[in-house]
N, C-alpha and C. Protein backbone atom coordinates (compact mmCIF):
# COMPACT_ATOMS: atom_id res chain seq x y z
N UNK A 1 -12.19 -8.68 -1.92
CA UNK A 1 -11.00 -8.69 -1.08
C UNK A 1 -9.77 -8.38 -1.90
N UNK A 2 -8.86 -7.60 -1.32
CA UNK A 2 -7.57 -7.35 -1.96
C UNK A 2 -6.47 -7.60 -0.93
N UNK A 3 -5.29 -7.91 -1.45
CA UNK A 3 -4.14 -8.20 -0.60
C UNK A 3 -3.05 -7.16 -0.82
N UNK A 4 -2.10 -7.15 0.11
CA UNK A 4 -0.94 -6.28 0.02
C UNK A 4 0.26 -7.06 0.54
N UNK A 5 1.42 -6.79 -0.05
CA UNK A 5 2.63 -7.48 0.38
C UNK A 5 3.85 -6.59 0.14
N UNK A 6 4.82 -6.67 1.04
CA UNK A 6 6.12 -6.03 0.84
C UNK A 6 7.15 -7.12 0.70
N UNK A 7 7.97 -7.07 -0.34
CA UNK A 7 8.84 -8.21 -0.60
C UNK A 7 10.00 -8.35 0.38
N UNK A 8 10.36 -7.29 1.09
CA UNK A 8 11.44 -7.39 2.07
C UNK A 8 11.06 -8.41 3.14
N UNK A 9 11.98 -9.25 3.46
CA UNK A 9 11.71 -10.27 4.48
C UNK A 9 11.28 -11.61 3.91
N UNK A 10 11.00 -11.64 2.61
CA UNK A 10 10.64 -12.89 1.95
C UNK A 10 11.78 -13.34 1.03
N UNK A 11 12.02 -14.63 0.95
CA UNK A 11 12.80 -15.14 -0.16
C UNK A 11 11.86 -15.16 -1.37
N UNK A 12 12.38 -15.19 -2.59
CA UNK A 12 11.49 -15.26 -3.75
C UNK A 12 10.52 -16.45 -3.68
N UNK A 13 10.99 -17.58 -3.15
CA UNK A 13 10.13 -18.75 -3.06
C UNK A 13 9.01 -18.52 -2.04
N UNK A 14 9.36 -17.93 -0.91
CA UNK A 14 8.34 -17.63 0.12
C UNK A 14 7.34 -16.61 -0.39
N UNK A 15 7.84 -15.65 -1.15
CA UNK A 15 7.00 -14.59 -1.70
C UNK A 15 5.92 -15.18 -2.61
N UNK A 16 6.35 -16.01 -3.55
CA UNK A 16 5.40 -16.63 -4.49
C UNK A 16 4.45 -17.55 -3.74
N UNK A 17 4.98 -18.30 -2.77
CA UNK A 17 4.13 -19.21 -2.00
C UNK A 17 3.03 -18.45 -1.26
N UNK A 18 3.40 -17.31 -0.68
CA UNK A 18 2.40 -16.50 0.05
C UNK A 18 1.28 -16.05 -0.88
N UNK A 19 1.64 -15.67 -2.10
CA UNK A 19 0.62 -15.25 -3.07
C UNK A 19 -0.28 -16.43 -3.45
N UNK A 20 0.33 -17.56 -3.77
CA UNK A 20 -0.45 -18.71 -4.20
C UNK A 20 -1.35 -19.24 -3.09
N UNK A 21 -0.85 -19.27 -1.87
CA UNK A 21 -1.63 -19.80 -0.75
C UNK A 21 -2.86 -18.94 -0.45
N UNK A 22 -2.80 -17.68 -0.87
CA UNK A 22 -3.93 -16.78 -0.63
C UNK A 22 -4.77 -16.56 -1.89
N UNK A 23 -4.50 -17.34 -2.92
CA UNK A 23 -5.33 -17.30 -4.12
C UNK A 23 -5.11 -16.09 -5.00
N UNK A 24 -3.98 -15.41 -4.84
CA UNK A 24 -3.69 -14.22 -5.66
C UNK A 24 -3.42 -14.64 -7.09
N UNK A 25 -4.06 -13.96 -8.04
CA UNK A 25 -3.84 -14.27 -9.45
C UNK A 25 -3.27 -13.09 -10.23
N UNK A 26 -3.18 -11.91 -9.58
CA UNK A 26 -2.62 -10.73 -10.25
C UNK A 26 -1.89 -9.88 -9.22
N UNK A 27 -0.62 -9.57 -9.50
CA UNK A 27 0.18 -8.73 -8.61
C UNK A 27 0.31 -7.35 -9.23
N UNK A 28 -0.02 -6.33 -8.46
CA UNK A 28 0.09 -4.95 -8.92
C UNK A 28 1.25 -4.29 -8.17
N UNK A 29 2.30 -4.02 -8.90
CA UNK A 29 3.50 -3.38 -8.36
C UNK A 29 3.23 -1.88 -8.28
N UNK A 30 3.25 -1.31 -7.07
CA UNK A 30 2.95 0.11 -6.90
C UNK A 30 4.22 0.94 -6.69
N UNK A 31 5.38 0.35 -6.98
CA UNK A 31 6.63 1.13 -6.91
C UNK A 31 6.69 2.08 -8.09
N UNK A 32 7.12 3.30 -7.82
CA UNK A 32 7.29 4.26 -8.92
C UNK A 32 8.42 3.84 -9.83
N UNK A 33 9.45 3.24 -9.25
CA UNK A 33 10.55 2.67 -10.04
C UNK A 33 10.62 1.19 -9.70
N UNK A 34 10.17 0.33 -10.60
CA UNK A 34 10.02 -1.09 -10.26
C UNK A 34 11.32 -1.89 -10.31
N UNK A 35 12.32 -1.37 -9.62
CA UNK A 35 13.64 -2.00 -9.58
C UNK A 35 14.19 -1.88 -8.16
N UNK A 36 15.07 -2.82 -7.79
CA UNK A 36 15.68 -2.81 -6.47
C UNK A 36 17.19 -2.88 -6.60
N UNK A 37 17.86 -2.03 -5.85
CA UNK A 37 19.32 -2.04 -5.88
C UNK A 37 19.88 -3.26 -5.16
N UNK A 38 19.12 -3.82 -4.23
CA UNK A 38 19.62 -4.91 -3.40
C UNK A 38 18.95 -6.24 -3.67
N UNK A 39 17.73 -6.22 -4.19
CA UNK A 39 16.98 -7.45 -4.43
C UNK A 39 16.54 -7.48 -5.89
N UNK A 40 17.50 -7.77 -6.77
CA UNK A 40 17.23 -7.69 -8.21
C UNK A 40 16.22 -8.75 -8.67
N UNK A 41 15.97 -9.75 -7.83
CA UNK A 41 14.95 -10.75 -8.18
C UNK A 41 13.56 -10.12 -8.21
N UNK A 42 13.44 -8.92 -7.64
CA UNK A 42 12.16 -8.22 -7.68
C UNK A 42 12.14 -7.08 -8.71
N UNK A 43 13.15 -7.04 -9.56
CA UNK A 43 13.10 -6.10 -10.69
C UNK A 43 11.95 -6.51 -11.60
N UNK A 44 11.37 -5.52 -12.27
CA UNK A 44 10.14 -5.75 -13.02
C UNK A 44 10.19 -6.96 -13.94
N UNK A 45 11.18 -7.01 -14.81
CA UNK A 45 11.21 -8.09 -15.80
C UNK A 45 11.41 -9.46 -15.16
N UNK A 46 12.32 -9.51 -14.18
CA UNK A 46 12.59 -10.78 -13.49
C UNK A 46 11.37 -11.25 -12.73
N UNK A 47 10.74 -10.33 -12.01
CA UNK A 47 9.56 -10.68 -11.22
C UNK A 47 8.41 -11.11 -12.12
N UNK A 48 8.22 -10.42 -13.23
CA UNK A 48 7.14 -10.77 -14.15
C UNK A 48 7.31 -12.20 -14.65
N UNK A 49 8.57 -12.59 -14.97
CA UNK A 49 8.83 -13.95 -15.44
C UNK A 49 8.55 -14.97 -14.34
N UNK A 50 9.02 -14.68 -13.14
CA UNK A 50 8.82 -15.59 -12.02
C UNK A 50 7.34 -15.81 -11.74
N UNK A 51 6.60 -14.73 -11.74
CA UNK A 51 5.17 -14.84 -11.47
C UNK A 51 4.43 -15.57 -12.58
N UNK A 52 4.82 -15.32 -13.82
CA UNK A 52 4.17 -15.98 -14.95
C UNK A 52 4.31 -17.49 -14.84
N UNK A 53 5.48 -17.95 -14.37
CA UNK A 53 5.70 -19.39 -14.21
C UNK A 53 4.74 -20.00 -13.20
N UNK A 54 4.23 -19.17 -12.29
CA UNK A 54 3.28 -19.65 -11.29
C UNK A 54 1.84 -19.28 -11.62
N UNK A 55 1.64 -18.76 -12.84
CA UNK A 55 0.29 -18.43 -13.28
C UNK A 55 -0.26 -17.14 -12.70
N UNK A 56 0.63 -16.24 -12.27
CA UNK A 56 0.21 -14.96 -11.69
C UNK A 56 0.56 -13.83 -12.66
N UNK A 57 -0.41 -12.99 -12.93
CA UNK A 57 -0.23 -11.84 -13.80
C UNK A 57 0.52 -10.74 -13.07
N UNK A 58 1.43 -10.06 -13.77
CA UNK A 58 2.16 -8.92 -13.18
C UNK A 58 1.82 -7.64 -13.92
N UNK A 59 1.57 -6.59 -13.16
CA UNK A 59 1.37 -5.25 -13.73
C UNK A 59 2.04 -4.21 -12.85
N UNK A 60 2.62 -3.19 -13.47
CA UNK A 60 3.16 -2.06 -12.71
C UNK A 60 2.22 -0.87 -12.89
N UNK A 61 1.73 -0.33 -11.78
CA UNK A 61 0.82 0.81 -11.80
C UNK A 61 1.50 2.02 -11.15
N UNK A 62 2.67 2.37 -11.66
CA UNK A 62 3.40 3.51 -11.10
C UNK A 62 2.62 4.81 -11.28
N UNK A 63 2.02 4.99 -12.45
CA UNK A 63 1.29 6.23 -12.70
C UNK A 63 0.06 6.33 -11.81
N UNK A 64 -0.66 5.23 -11.69
CA UNK A 64 -1.92 5.25 -10.94
C UNK A 64 -1.72 5.24 -9.44
N UNK A 65 -0.73 4.46 -8.95
CA UNK A 65 -0.60 4.25 -7.52
C UNK A 65 0.79 4.52 -6.95
N UNK A 66 1.72 4.96 -7.78
CA UNK A 66 3.08 5.17 -7.30
C UNK A 66 3.18 6.32 -6.31
N UNK A 67 4.15 6.22 -5.41
CA UNK A 67 4.33 7.25 -4.38
C UNK A 67 5.05 8.48 -4.91
N UNK A 68 5.78 8.31 -6.00
CA UNK A 68 6.59 9.42 -6.52
C UNK A 68 5.83 10.11 -7.65
N UNK A 69 5.01 11.07 -7.27
CA UNK A 69 4.21 11.83 -8.23
C UNK A 69 4.80 13.24 -8.35
N UNK A 70 5.12 13.64 -9.57
CA UNK A 70 5.76 14.93 -9.77
C UNK A 70 4.78 16.08 -9.98
N UNK A 71 3.51 15.76 -10.20
CA UNK A 71 2.51 16.81 -10.41
C UNK A 71 2.33 17.60 -9.12
N UNK A 72 2.70 18.86 -9.15
CA UNK A 72 2.71 19.66 -7.93
C UNK A 72 1.31 19.97 -7.41
N UNK A 73 0.30 19.74 -8.22
CA UNK A 73 -1.06 19.97 -7.72
C UNK A 73 -1.44 18.94 -6.66
N UNK A 74 -0.68 17.84 -6.57
CA UNK A 74 -0.95 16.81 -5.56
C UNK A 74 -0.21 17.06 -4.25
N UNK A 75 0.58 18.14 -4.19
CA UNK A 75 1.39 18.38 -3.00
C UNK A 75 0.60 19.08 -1.90
N UNK A 76 0.99 18.80 -0.68
CA UNK A 76 0.44 19.49 0.48
C UNK A 76 1.14 20.84 0.63
N UNK A 77 0.62 21.72 1.48
CA UNK A 77 1.34 22.98 1.75
C UNK A 77 2.75 22.74 2.28
N UNK A 78 2.96 21.57 2.89
CA UNK A 78 4.29 21.24 3.40
C UNK A 78 5.24 20.72 2.34
N UNK A 79 4.76 20.58 1.09
CA UNK A 79 5.64 20.18 0.00
C UNK A 79 5.76 18.69 -0.25
N UNK A 80 4.97 17.87 0.42
CA UNK A 80 5.02 16.42 0.20
C UNK A 80 3.73 15.96 -0.47
N UNK A 81 3.77 14.78 -1.07
CA UNK A 81 2.59 14.25 -1.75
C UNK A 81 1.46 14.06 -0.75
N UNK A 82 0.36 14.74 -1.00
CA UNK A 82 -0.82 14.66 -0.14
C UNK A 82 -1.66 13.47 -0.61
N UNK A 83 -1.70 12.43 0.20
CA UNK A 83 -2.37 11.20 -0.21
C UNK A 83 -3.87 11.42 -0.43
N UNK A 84 -4.47 12.32 0.33
CA UNK A 84 -5.90 12.60 0.15
C UNK A 84 -6.14 13.23 -1.22
N UNK A 85 -5.31 14.21 -1.56
CA UNK A 85 -5.46 14.86 -2.87
C UNK A 85 -5.22 13.87 -4.00
N UNK A 86 -4.15 13.09 -3.87
CA UNK A 86 -3.82 12.18 -4.96
C UNK A 86 -4.87 11.08 -5.12
N UNK A 87 -5.39 10.56 -4.00
CA UNK A 87 -6.38 9.49 -4.11
C UNK A 87 -7.70 9.98 -4.69
N UNK A 88 -7.90 11.30 -4.70
CA UNK A 88 -9.10 11.88 -5.31
C UNK A 88 -8.89 12.24 -6.77
N UNK A 89 -7.67 12.04 -7.28
CA UNK A 89 -7.34 12.45 -8.65
C UNK A 89 -7.89 11.49 -9.69
N UNK A 90 -7.98 11.98 -10.92
CA UNK A 90 -8.48 11.15 -12.01
C UNK A 90 -7.57 9.96 -12.26
N UNK A 91 -6.24 10.16 -12.20
CA UNK A 91 -5.36 9.05 -12.52
C UNK A 91 -5.41 7.96 -11.45
N UNK A 92 -5.58 8.33 -10.19
CA UNK A 92 -5.73 7.33 -9.14
C UNK A 92 -7.04 6.58 -9.33
N UNK A 93 -8.11 7.33 -9.60
CA UNK A 93 -9.42 6.69 -9.79
C UNK A 93 -9.41 5.76 -11.01
N UNK A 94 -8.63 6.11 -12.03
CA UNK A 94 -8.49 5.22 -13.18
C UNK A 94 -7.89 3.89 -12.75
N UNK A 95 -6.91 3.97 -11.86
CA UNK A 95 -6.30 2.74 -11.36
C UNK A 95 -7.31 1.89 -10.61
N UNK A 96 -8.10 2.53 -9.76
CA UNK A 96 -9.13 1.81 -9.02
C UNK A 96 -10.12 1.14 -9.99
N UNK A 97 -10.51 1.87 -11.02
CA UNK A 97 -11.45 1.32 -12.00
C UNK A 97 -10.86 0.10 -12.71
N UNK A 98 -9.56 0.16 -13.03
CA UNK A 98 -8.91 -0.99 -13.68
C UNK A 98 -8.93 -2.21 -12.77
N UNK A 99 -8.64 -1.98 -11.49
CA UNK A 99 -8.65 -3.10 -10.54
C UNK A 99 -10.05 -3.68 -10.41
N UNK A 100 -11.04 -2.81 -10.30
CA UNK A 100 -12.42 -3.30 -10.16
C UNK A 100 -12.87 -4.05 -11.40
N UNK A 101 -12.43 -3.59 -12.57
CA UNK A 101 -12.77 -4.30 -13.80
C UNK A 101 -12.12 -5.68 -13.80
N UNK A 102 -10.89 -5.76 -13.31
CA UNK A 102 -10.21 -7.05 -13.22
C UNK A 102 -10.90 -7.98 -12.24
N UNK A 103 -11.38 -7.42 -11.14
CA UNK A 103 -12.12 -8.23 -10.16
C UNK A 103 -13.36 -8.84 -10.79
N UNK A 104 -14.03 -8.05 -11.61
CA UNK A 104 -15.24 -8.56 -12.28
C UNK A 104 -14.90 -9.72 -13.22
N UNK A 105 -13.65 -9.76 -13.69
CA UNK A 105 -13.21 -10.87 -14.55
C UNK A 105 -12.64 -12.02 -13.73
N UNK A 106 -12.69 -11.88 -12.40
CA UNK A 106 -12.29 -12.99 -11.54
C UNK A 106 -10.88 -12.92 -10.98
N UNK A 107 -10.13 -11.85 -11.27
CA UNK A 107 -8.78 -11.75 -10.73
C UNK A 107 -8.81 -11.43 -9.24
N UNK A 108 -7.85 -11.99 -8.52
CA UNK A 108 -7.63 -11.67 -7.11
C UNK A 108 -6.32 -10.89 -7.04
N UNK A 109 -6.39 -9.65 -6.59
CA UNK A 109 -5.26 -8.73 -6.66
C UNK A 109 -4.48 -8.61 -5.36
N UNK A 110 -3.18 -8.41 -5.52
CA UNK A 110 -2.30 -8.09 -4.41
C UNK A 110 -1.43 -6.92 -4.82
N UNK A 111 -1.37 -5.88 -3.97
CA UNK A 111 -0.53 -4.72 -4.22
C UNK A 111 0.83 -4.95 -3.57
N UNK A 112 1.89 -4.68 -4.33
CA UNK A 112 3.24 -4.94 -3.84
C UNK A 112 4.10 -3.69 -3.81
N UNK A 113 4.87 -3.56 -2.72
CA UNK A 113 5.94 -2.58 -2.65
C UNK A 113 7.09 -3.26 -1.90
N UNK A 114 8.03 -2.49 -1.39
CA UNK A 114 9.20 -3.09 -0.77
C UNK A 114 9.06 -3.33 0.73
N UNK A 115 8.48 -2.37 1.46
CA UNK A 115 8.50 -2.42 2.92
C UNK A 115 7.71 -3.60 3.47
N UNK A 116 8.31 -4.28 4.43
CA UNK A 116 7.63 -5.41 5.06
C UNK A 116 6.39 -4.97 5.82
N UNK A 117 6.53 -3.91 6.63
CA UNK A 117 5.43 -3.45 7.47
C UNK A 117 4.55 -2.49 6.68
N UNK A 118 3.29 -2.83 6.46
CA UNK A 118 2.43 -1.95 5.67
C UNK A 118 2.26 -0.56 6.29
N UNK A 119 2.42 -0.46 7.60
CA UNK A 119 2.23 0.81 8.29
C UNK A 119 3.24 1.86 7.83
N UNK A 120 4.36 1.41 7.30
CA UNK A 120 5.42 2.34 6.89
C UNK A 120 5.48 2.52 5.37
N UNK A 121 4.46 2.05 4.67
CA UNK A 121 4.49 2.04 3.21
C UNK A 121 3.24 2.68 2.61
N UNK A 122 3.44 3.41 1.52
CA UNK A 122 2.30 4.07 0.88
C UNK A 122 1.29 3.08 0.33
N UNK A 123 1.68 1.82 0.12
CA UNK A 123 0.70 0.87 -0.41
C UNK A 123 -0.47 0.70 0.56
N UNK A 124 -0.22 0.89 1.87
CA UNK A 124 -1.29 0.78 2.86
C UNK A 124 -1.84 2.14 3.26
N UNK A 125 -0.96 3.13 3.41
CA UNK A 125 -1.40 4.44 3.88
C UNK A 125 -2.15 5.19 2.77
N UNK A 126 -1.85 4.86 1.52
CA UNK A 126 -2.52 5.49 0.38
C UNK A 126 -3.43 4.50 -0.36
N UNK A 127 -2.84 3.44 -0.91
CA UNK A 127 -3.56 2.60 -1.87
C UNK A 127 -4.63 1.72 -1.22
N UNK A 128 -4.22 0.85 -0.29
CA UNK A 128 -5.24 -0.05 0.25
C UNK A 128 -6.21 0.69 1.17
N UNK A 129 -5.80 1.84 1.70
CA UNK A 129 -6.77 2.64 2.45
C UNK A 129 -7.94 3.03 1.56
N UNK A 130 -7.63 3.42 0.32
CA UNK A 130 -8.69 3.80 -0.61
C UNK A 130 -9.63 2.63 -0.88
N UNK A 131 -9.07 1.43 -1.04
CA UNK A 131 -9.93 0.26 -1.29
C UNK A 131 -10.73 -0.11 -0.05
N UNK A 132 -10.14 0.06 1.12
CA UNK A 132 -10.87 -0.18 2.36
C UNK A 132 -12.05 0.77 2.48
N UNK A 133 -11.84 2.03 2.12
CA UNK A 133 -12.91 3.01 2.16
C UNK A 133 -14.05 2.65 1.20
N UNK A 134 -13.71 1.95 0.12
CA UNK A 134 -14.72 1.54 -0.85
C UNK A 134 -15.46 0.28 -0.40
N UNK A 135 -15.05 -0.27 0.73
CA UNK A 135 -15.75 -1.42 1.28
C UNK A 135 -15.08 -2.76 1.05
N UNK A 136 -13.89 -2.75 0.45
CA UNK A 136 -13.17 -4.01 0.23
C UNK A 136 -12.42 -4.42 1.48
N UNK A 137 -12.44 -5.70 1.77
CA UNK A 137 -11.60 -6.21 2.85
C UNK A 137 -10.16 -6.22 2.35
N UNK A 138 -9.24 -5.76 3.19
CA UNK A 138 -7.83 -5.70 2.83
C UNK A 138 -7.05 -6.58 3.79
N UNK A 139 -6.21 -7.45 3.23
CA UNK A 139 -5.35 -8.32 4.03
C UNK A 139 -3.90 -8.05 3.64
N UNK A 140 -3.08 -7.72 4.64
CA UNK A 140 -1.65 -7.51 4.43
C UNK A 140 -0.91 -8.81 4.75
N UNK A 141 -0.12 -9.27 3.80
CA UNK A 141 0.64 -10.51 3.96
C UNK A 141 2.06 -10.16 4.39
N UNK A 142 2.50 -10.80 5.48
CA UNK A 142 3.84 -10.54 6.01
C UNK A 142 4.57 -11.84 6.27
N UNK A 143 5.90 -11.79 6.40
CA UNK A 143 6.66 -13.03 6.63
C UNK A 143 6.15 -13.80 7.84
N UNK A 144 6.39 -15.10 7.83
CA UNK A 144 5.96 -15.94 8.93
C UNK A 144 4.49 -16.25 8.93
N UNK A 145 3.87 -16.18 7.76
CA UNK A 145 2.44 -16.45 7.60
C UNK A 145 1.57 -15.49 8.42
N UNK A 146 2.07 -14.29 8.67
CA UNK A 146 1.29 -13.28 9.39
C UNK A 146 0.37 -12.58 8.40
N UNK A 147 -0.90 -12.48 8.79
CA UNK A 147 -1.91 -11.77 8.00
C UNK A 147 -2.54 -10.71 8.89
N UNK A 148 -2.64 -9.51 8.37
CA UNK A 148 -3.18 -8.41 9.15
C UNK A 148 -4.18 -7.64 8.29
N UNK A 149 -5.37 -7.40 8.83
CA UNK A 149 -6.35 -6.62 8.08
C UNK A 149 -5.99 -5.14 8.14
N UNK A 150 -6.60 -4.36 7.27
CA UNK A 150 -6.37 -2.92 7.29
C UNK A 150 -6.80 -2.34 8.64
N UNK A 151 -7.92 -2.81 9.17
CA UNK A 151 -8.39 -2.30 10.47
C UNK A 151 -7.43 -2.66 11.58
N UNK A 152 -6.89 -3.86 11.54
CA UNK A 152 -5.89 -4.24 12.55
C UNK A 152 -4.64 -3.39 12.43
N UNK A 153 -4.23 -3.10 11.20
CA UNK A 153 -3.07 -2.23 11.00
C UNK A 153 -3.36 -0.83 11.55
N UNK A 154 -4.58 -0.34 11.31
CA UNK A 154 -4.94 0.98 11.81
C UNK A 154 -4.86 1.04 13.33
N UNK A 155 -5.37 0.02 13.99
CA UNK A 155 -5.32 0.00 15.46
C UNK A 155 -3.87 -0.04 15.95
N UNK A 156 -3.04 -0.82 15.28
CA UNK A 156 -1.63 -0.91 15.65
C UNK A 156 -0.93 0.43 15.42
N UNK A 157 -1.29 1.10 14.32
CA UNK A 157 -0.69 2.39 14.00
C UNK A 157 -1.07 3.44 15.04
N UNK A 158 -2.34 3.48 15.41
CA UNK A 158 -2.78 4.44 16.43
C UNK A 158 -2.07 4.18 17.75
N UNK A 159 -1.97 2.91 18.12
CA UNK A 159 -1.31 2.57 19.39
C UNK A 159 0.15 2.98 19.39
N UNK A 160 0.81 2.80 18.25
CA UNK A 160 2.23 3.17 18.17
C UNK A 160 2.42 4.69 18.17
N UNK A 161 1.60 5.39 17.40
CA UNK A 161 1.79 6.84 17.26
C UNK A 161 1.21 7.64 18.43
N UNK A 162 0.17 7.12 19.06
CA UNK A 162 -0.50 7.85 20.14
C UNK A 162 -0.71 6.95 21.36
N UNK A 163 0.37 6.44 21.96
CA UNK A 163 0.19 5.55 23.11
C UNK A 163 -0.46 6.24 24.31
N UNK A 164 -0.34 7.56 24.36
CA UNK A 164 -0.92 8.32 25.49
C UNK A 164 -2.17 9.09 25.07
N UNK A 165 -2.90 8.55 24.10
CA UNK A 165 -4.02 9.31 23.56
C UNK A 165 -5.11 9.59 24.58
N UNK A 166 -5.28 8.71 25.57
CA UNK A 166 -6.32 8.96 26.57
C UNK A 166 -5.98 10.18 27.41
N UNK A 167 -4.69 10.34 27.73
CA UNK A 167 -4.27 11.53 28.48
C UNK A 167 -4.30 12.77 27.60
N UNK A 168 -4.03 12.58 26.30
CA UNK A 168 -4.02 13.73 25.38
C UNK A 168 -5.42 14.27 25.15
N UNK A 169 -6.41 13.42 25.34
CA UNK A 169 -7.79 13.82 25.09
C UNK A 169 -8.58 13.73 26.40
N UNK A 170 -8.27 14.65 27.30
CA UNK A 170 -8.81 14.62 28.66
C UNK A 170 -10.33 14.68 28.69
N UNK A 171 -10.91 15.36 27.72
CA UNK A 171 -12.36 15.55 27.73
C UNK A 171 -13.07 14.60 26.75
N UNK A 172 -12.32 13.64 26.23
CA UNK A 172 -12.93 12.66 25.35
C UNK A 172 -13.48 13.23 24.06
N UNK A 173 -12.83 14.29 23.56
CA UNK A 173 -13.35 14.96 22.37
C UNK A 173 -12.91 14.29 21.08
N UNK A 174 -12.04 13.28 21.16
CA UNK A 174 -11.62 12.57 19.95
C UNK A 174 -12.09 11.12 20.01
N UNK A 175 -12.76 10.70 18.94
CA UNK A 175 -13.17 9.31 18.84
C UNK A 175 -12.01 8.47 18.33
N UNK A 176 -12.19 7.16 18.35
CA UNK A 176 -11.14 6.28 17.81
C UNK A 176 -10.92 6.56 16.34
N UNK A 177 -12.01 6.84 15.61
CA UNK A 177 -11.87 7.16 14.19
C UNK A 177 -11.09 8.46 13.99
N UNK A 178 -11.26 9.42 14.89
CA UNK A 178 -10.47 10.65 14.81
C UNK A 178 -8.98 10.35 14.94
N UNK A 179 -8.66 9.46 15.87
CA UNK A 179 -7.26 9.09 16.07
C UNK A 179 -6.73 8.35 14.83
N UNK A 180 -7.56 7.53 14.23
CA UNK A 180 -7.14 6.82 13.00
C UNK A 180 -6.84 7.84 11.90
N UNK A 181 -7.71 8.82 11.73
CA UNK A 181 -7.49 9.86 10.71
C UNK A 181 -6.20 10.61 10.97
N UNK A 182 -5.96 10.96 12.23
CA UNK A 182 -4.73 11.68 12.57
C UNK A 182 -3.50 10.81 12.35
N UNK A 183 -3.63 9.51 12.62
CA UNK A 183 -2.50 8.60 12.40
C UNK A 183 -2.15 8.52 10.91
N UNK A 184 -3.18 8.42 10.06
CA UNK A 184 -2.93 8.42 8.62
C UNK A 184 -2.26 9.71 8.19
N UNK A 185 -2.74 10.84 8.69
CA UNK A 185 -2.16 12.13 8.32
C UNK A 185 -0.70 12.21 8.75
N UNK A 186 -0.42 11.69 9.94
CA UNK A 186 0.97 11.74 10.42
C UNK A 186 1.87 10.85 9.58
N UNK A 187 1.38 9.66 9.25
CA UNK A 187 2.18 8.78 8.40
C UNK A 187 2.37 9.37 7.01
N UNK A 188 1.36 10.03 6.50
CA UNK A 188 1.48 10.71 5.20
C UNK A 188 2.61 11.73 5.25
N UNK A 189 2.64 12.54 6.31
CA UNK A 189 3.71 13.53 6.45
C UNK A 189 5.07 12.86 6.54
N UNK A 190 5.12 11.70 7.21
CA UNK A 190 6.39 11.02 7.42
C UNK A 190 6.94 10.38 6.15
N UNK A 191 6.06 9.81 5.33
CA UNK A 191 6.55 9.03 4.19
C UNK A 191 6.21 9.65 2.84
N UNK A 192 5.42 10.73 2.82
CA UNK A 192 5.02 11.33 1.55
C UNK A 192 6.21 11.85 0.75
N UNK A 193 6.23 11.53 -0.52
CA UNK A 193 7.31 11.93 -1.42
C UNK A 193 7.41 13.45 -1.55
N UNK A 194 8.63 13.94 -1.45
CA UNK A 194 8.90 15.36 -1.65
C UNK A 194 9.72 15.52 -2.92
N UNK A 195 9.16 16.13 -3.97
CA UNK A 195 9.91 16.28 -5.22
C UNK A 195 11.26 16.92 -4.97
N UNK A 196 12.27 16.35 -5.62
CA UNK A 196 13.63 16.83 -5.43
C UNK A 196 14.42 16.01 -4.45
N UNK A 197 13.72 15.19 -3.67
CA UNK A 197 14.41 14.28 -2.74
C UNK A 197 14.46 12.91 -3.33
N UNK A 198 15.44 12.12 -2.93
CA UNK A 198 15.54 10.74 -3.40
C UNK A 198 14.49 9.86 -2.75
N UNK A 199 14.29 8.69 -3.34
CA UNK A 199 13.34 7.72 -2.77
C UNK A 199 14.11 6.52 -2.26
């Protein structure tokens, strides 16, 4: 099992409590730039100290899992980071291998970015999707003690993006999994990093 969390919407105390209550022992920061202009308590050095006090390991995996990848071989024809291409890359797979090695040593991992809703963040559309595909259960932690699985997020995403999908598919040629794939692709287009643009 792996977890995911976006720090927006949490106080630092609530954030740490959510991790501890779910048995998280290692936080993986997937921000390409592990700093916040508005929430400096989540800057890399400050956060690492806070987590250490609670017995939680901190690591930043910007190279392996960050959304801001400058290698143009990972771009889609539309010029944004193609999550499918990047998740198949050697550097992404290295990140997965590191996490799996940590799991074998008993660590319980949580992936962190800023956005509260995983549906709008690459940590779910890219990173935890890859772990879900590998067979790991994924739980997204949100304010108010809300927990949502990757599958629940997928259903919510499809419902939001394609509320009229039954009318759109008059002949029933699209399965629910087809709609899930299309929802991921649409979110990738919406949030995928475009080199030269700010984040």
